[in-house]
N, C-alpha and C. Protein backbone atom coordinates (compact mmCIF):
# COMPACT_ATOMS: atom_id res chain seq x y z
N MET A 1 0.84 -1.19 0.00
CA MET A 1 0.00 0.00 0.00
C MET A 1 0.88 1.25 0.00
N ALA A 2 0.26 2.32 -0.38
CA ALA A 2 0.99 3.59 -0.43
C ALA A 2 0.28 4.63 0.45
N THR A 3 1.10 5.49 1.01
CA THR A 3 0.60 6.60 1.80
C THR A 3 0.82 7.87 1.00
N LYS A 4 -0.22 8.69 0.88
CA LYS A 4 -0.07 9.96 0.17
C LYS A 4 0.56 10.97 1.13
N VAL A 5 1.55 11.69 0.63
CA VAL A 5 2.20 12.74 1.41
C VAL A 5 1.81 14.08 0.80
N ARG A 6 1.42 15.00 1.64
CA ARG A 6 1.13 16.37 1.21
C ARG A 6 2.08 17.29 1.98
N ILE A 7 2.94 17.98 1.24
CA ILE A 7 3.90 18.89 1.85
C ILE A 7 3.48 20.33 1.57
N LEU A 8 3.49 21.15 2.61
CA LEU A 8 3.29 22.59 2.46
C LEU A 8 4.67 23.24 2.52
N ALA A 9 4.98 24.03 1.50
CA ALA A 9 6.28 24.68 1.42
C ALA A 9 6.09 26.16 1.11
N GLN A 10 7.08 26.94 1.49
CA GLN A 10 7.12 28.38 1.18
C GLN A 10 8.02 28.54 -0.03
N TYR A 11 7.53 29.21 -1.07
CA TYR A 11 8.36 29.51 -2.23
C TYR A 11 9.04 30.85 -2.01
N ILE A 12 10.35 30.86 -2.14
CA ILE A 12 11.14 32.07 -1.93
C ILE A 12 11.95 32.35 -3.19
N GLU A 13 11.82 33.59 -3.68
CA GLU A 13 12.54 34.00 -4.88
C GLU A 13 13.18 35.36 -4.62
N ASN A 14 14.46 35.47 -4.93
CA ASN A 14 15.20 36.71 -4.70
C ASN A 14 15.09 37.18 -3.25
N GLY A 15 15.10 36.23 -2.31
CA GLY A 15 15.06 36.56 -0.89
C GLY A 15 13.70 36.97 -0.36
N LYS A 16 12.66 36.88 -1.20
CA LYS A 16 11.32 37.28 -0.78
C LYS A 16 10.36 36.10 -0.86
N ALA A 17 9.51 35.97 0.17
CA ALA A 17 8.49 34.93 0.17
C ALA A 17 7.44 35.25 -0.90
N LYS A 18 7.16 34.30 -1.75
CA LYS A 18 6.22 34.52 -2.84
C LYS A 18 4.90 33.78 -2.66
N GLY A 19 4.79 32.96 -1.64
CA GLY A 19 3.53 32.26 -1.40
C GLY A 19 3.74 30.80 -1.08
N GLY A 20 2.68 30.19 -0.59
CA GLY A 20 2.74 28.78 -0.25
C GLY A 20 2.51 27.90 -1.46
N THR A 21 3.12 26.73 -1.44
CA THR A 21 2.98 25.75 -2.51
C THR A 21 2.79 24.39 -1.87
N GLU A 22 1.87 23.60 -2.42
CA GLU A 22 1.66 22.24 -1.94
C GLU A 22 2.22 21.24 -2.93
N PHE A 23 2.83 20.19 -2.40
CA PHE A 23 3.33 19.08 -3.20
C PHE A 23 2.66 17.81 -2.70
N GLU A 24 2.34 16.90 -3.62
CA GLU A 24 1.79 15.60 -3.24
C GLU A 24 2.53 14.50 -3.98
N PHE A 25 2.78 13.41 -3.27
CA PHE A 25 3.37 12.22 -3.86
C PHE A 25 3.10 11.05 -2.92
N ASN A 26 3.37 9.85 -3.38
CA ASN A 26 3.14 8.65 -2.58
C ASN A 26 4.46 8.06 -2.10
N ILE A 27 4.42 7.51 -0.90
CA ILE A 27 5.54 6.73 -0.37
C ILE A 27 4.97 5.44 0.19
N SER A 28 5.83 4.47 0.43
CA SER A 28 5.35 3.20 0.95
C SER A 28 4.86 3.38 2.39
N ASP A 29 3.93 2.53 2.78
CA ASP A 29 3.43 2.57 4.14
C ASP A 29 4.57 2.35 5.14
N ALA A 30 5.51 1.47 4.81
CA ALA A 30 6.63 1.21 5.70
C ALA A 30 7.44 2.46 5.95
N HIS A 31 7.71 3.23 4.90
CA HIS A 31 8.46 4.48 5.07
C HIS A 31 7.68 5.47 5.92
N SER A 32 6.37 5.55 5.68
CA SER A 32 5.57 6.53 6.42
C SER A 32 5.47 6.17 7.90
N MET A 33 5.52 4.90 8.23
CA MET A 33 5.35 4.47 9.62
C MET A 33 6.66 4.39 10.39
N TYR A 34 7.77 4.04 9.71
CA TYR A 34 8.99 3.72 10.44
C TYR A 34 10.16 4.66 10.19
N CYS A 35 10.01 5.59 9.28
CA CYS A 35 11.09 6.55 9.02
C CYS A 35 11.09 7.59 10.16
N SER A 36 12.22 7.75 10.80
CA SER A 36 12.28 8.65 11.96
C SER A 36 12.65 10.08 11.60
N ASN A 37 13.02 10.31 10.34
CA ASN A 37 13.44 11.66 9.95
C ASN A 37 12.72 12.15 8.70
N LEU A 38 11.39 12.00 8.68
CA LEU A 38 10.61 12.39 7.49
C LEU A 38 10.79 13.87 7.15
N GLU A 39 10.83 14.75 8.15
CA GLU A 39 10.98 16.18 7.86
C GLU A 39 12.30 16.45 7.13
N GLU A 40 13.34 15.78 7.55
CA GLU A 40 14.65 15.94 6.89
C GLU A 40 14.60 15.41 5.45
N VAL A 41 13.96 14.27 5.26
CA VAL A 41 13.83 13.70 3.92
C VAL A 41 13.01 14.63 3.03
N PHE A 42 11.90 15.14 3.54
CA PHE A 42 11.05 16.01 2.75
C PHE A 42 11.76 17.33 2.44
N SER A 43 12.53 17.85 3.36
CA SER A 43 13.30 19.07 3.10
C SER A 43 14.30 18.84 1.98
N GLU A 44 14.91 17.66 1.96
CA GLU A 44 15.88 17.34 0.89
C GLU A 44 15.16 17.19 -0.45
N ILE A 45 13.98 16.59 -0.45
CA ILE A 45 13.20 16.49 -1.69
C ILE A 45 12.90 17.89 -2.23
N LEU A 46 12.53 18.82 -1.35
CA LEU A 46 12.26 20.19 -1.78
C LEU A 46 13.53 20.88 -2.28
N ARG A 47 14.67 20.61 -1.63
CA ARG A 47 15.93 21.21 -2.08
C ARG A 47 16.26 20.76 -3.50
N VAL A 48 16.11 19.46 -3.76
CA VAL A 48 16.38 18.93 -5.09
C VAL A 48 15.38 19.49 -6.10
N THR A 49 14.11 19.60 -5.71
CA THR A 49 13.09 20.17 -6.59
C THR A 49 13.42 21.62 -6.92
N SER A 50 13.94 22.36 -5.95
CA SER A 50 14.27 23.78 -6.14
C SER A 50 15.35 24.00 -7.20
N GLU A 51 16.17 22.99 -7.46
CA GLU A 51 17.26 23.13 -8.42
C GLU A 51 16.76 23.47 -9.82
N SER A 52 15.53 23.09 -10.15
CA SER A 52 15.00 23.37 -11.49
C SER A 52 14.08 24.59 -11.50
N TRP A 53 14.05 25.34 -10.41
CA TRP A 53 13.22 26.55 -10.31
C TRP A 53 14.12 27.76 -10.09
N ALA A 54 13.57 28.94 -10.32
CA ALA A 54 14.34 30.17 -10.10
C ALA A 54 14.53 30.46 -8.62
N GLY A 55 13.63 29.97 -7.78
CA GLY A 55 13.69 30.22 -6.34
C GLY A 55 13.86 28.93 -5.57
N ASP A 56 13.59 29.02 -4.27
CA ASP A 56 13.73 27.87 -3.38
C ASP A 56 12.42 27.55 -2.70
N PHE A 57 12.22 26.26 -2.40
CA PHE A 57 11.08 25.82 -1.62
C PHE A 57 11.57 25.46 -0.23
N THR A 58 10.95 26.04 0.79
CA THR A 58 11.32 25.77 2.17
C THR A 58 10.20 24.98 2.83
N TYR A 59 10.57 23.87 3.44
CA TYR A 59 9.60 23.01 4.12
C TYR A 59 8.92 23.76 5.25
N ILE A 60 7.57 23.63 5.33
CA ILE A 60 6.80 24.19 6.44
C ILE A 60 6.19 23.06 7.27
N SER A 61 5.45 22.16 6.60
CA SER A 61 4.79 21.07 7.32
C SER A 61 4.40 19.99 6.32
N HIS A 62 3.92 18.87 6.86
CA HIS A 62 3.44 17.79 6.00
C HIS A 62 2.27 17.07 6.66
N GLU A 63 1.52 16.37 5.81
CA GLU A 63 0.42 15.49 6.25
C GLU A 63 0.65 14.14 5.62
N LEU A 64 0.35 13.09 6.36
CA LEU A 64 0.33 11.74 5.81
C LEU A 64 -1.12 11.32 5.70
N LEU A 65 -1.55 10.99 4.49
CA LEU A 65 -2.95 10.64 4.23
C LEU A 65 -3.02 9.14 3.94
N PHE A 66 -3.60 8.39 4.87
CA PHE A 66 -3.65 6.94 4.75
C PHE A 66 -4.87 6.46 3.98
N GLN A 67 -5.82 7.35 3.74
CA GLN A 67 -7.00 7.02 2.94
C GLN A 67 -7.47 8.26 2.22
N GLU A 68 -8.29 8.07 1.23
CA GLU A 68 -8.84 9.20 0.49
C GLU A 68 -9.86 9.92 1.37
N PRO A 69 -9.99 11.23 1.21
CA PRO A 69 -10.98 11.97 2.01
C PRO A 69 -12.40 11.52 1.70
N ILE A 70 -13.27 11.67 2.66
CA ILE A 70 -14.69 11.38 2.47
C ILE A 70 -15.33 12.61 1.84
N GLN A 71 -15.96 12.42 0.69
CA GLN A 71 -16.60 13.52 -0.02
C GLN A 71 -18.03 13.68 0.49
N LEU A 72 -18.34 14.84 1.00
CA LEU A 72 -19.69 15.13 1.46
C LEU A 72 -20.51 15.72 0.33
N GLU A 73 -21.81 15.43 0.35
CA GLU A 73 -22.70 15.96 -0.69
C GLU A 73 -22.85 17.46 -0.54
N GLY A 74 -22.80 18.16 -1.66
CA GLY A 74 -22.98 19.61 -1.65
C GLY A 74 -24.34 20.02 -1.14
N ALA A 75 -25.38 19.21 -1.44
CA ALA A 75 -26.73 19.54 -0.98
C ALA A 75 -26.80 19.47 0.54
N LEU A 76 -26.13 18.49 1.14
CA LEU A 76 -26.13 18.35 2.60
C LEU A 76 -25.43 19.54 3.24
N THR A 77 -24.26 19.88 2.76
CA THR A 77 -23.52 20.98 3.37
C THR A 77 -24.25 22.30 3.16
N SER A 78 -24.85 22.49 2.00
CA SER A 78 -25.60 23.71 1.74
C SER A 78 -26.82 23.83 2.67
N LYS A 79 -27.52 22.69 2.88
CA LYS A 79 -28.69 22.71 3.77
C LYS A 79 -28.28 23.05 5.19
N VAL A 80 -27.20 22.46 5.69
CA VAL A 80 -26.75 22.75 7.06
C VAL A 80 -26.39 24.23 7.17
N MET A 81 -25.68 24.75 6.18
CA MET A 81 -25.29 26.16 6.23
C MET A 81 -26.52 27.07 6.16
N GLU A 82 -27.49 26.68 5.34
CA GLU A 82 -28.73 27.46 5.23
C GLU A 82 -29.49 27.42 6.55
N ASP A 83 -29.59 26.23 7.15
CA ASP A 83 -30.30 26.08 8.44
C ASP A 83 -29.63 26.91 9.54
N MET A 84 -28.33 27.11 9.44
CA MET A 84 -27.59 27.88 10.44
C MET A 84 -27.60 29.36 10.13
N GLY A 85 -28.19 29.74 9.01
CA GLY A 85 -28.27 31.14 8.64
C GLY A 85 -27.00 31.70 8.01
N VAL A 86 -26.13 30.81 7.54
CA VAL A 86 -24.89 31.25 6.91
C VAL A 86 -25.14 31.73 5.50
N LEU A 87 -26.10 31.11 4.80
CA LEU A 87 -26.39 31.48 3.42
C LEU A 87 -27.58 32.41 3.32
């Protein structure tokens, strides 16, 4: 099985922060569960990725997603928001 990794990084160009960027990729479940230095590994992945860009990506945080998100119906969420007076 594979674990989806979502990394949040800061894009920096010419010494100025230009905004957040998200990266997603899969790693093995074994790596996600037993690797003790994931932040260091992810920072290195961003460093290597930065080599082909004009600026640099700096690691901020990551999420490990072991399953796909549950999609809620738009009608349900709209009704709840309407009932609460949000809409």
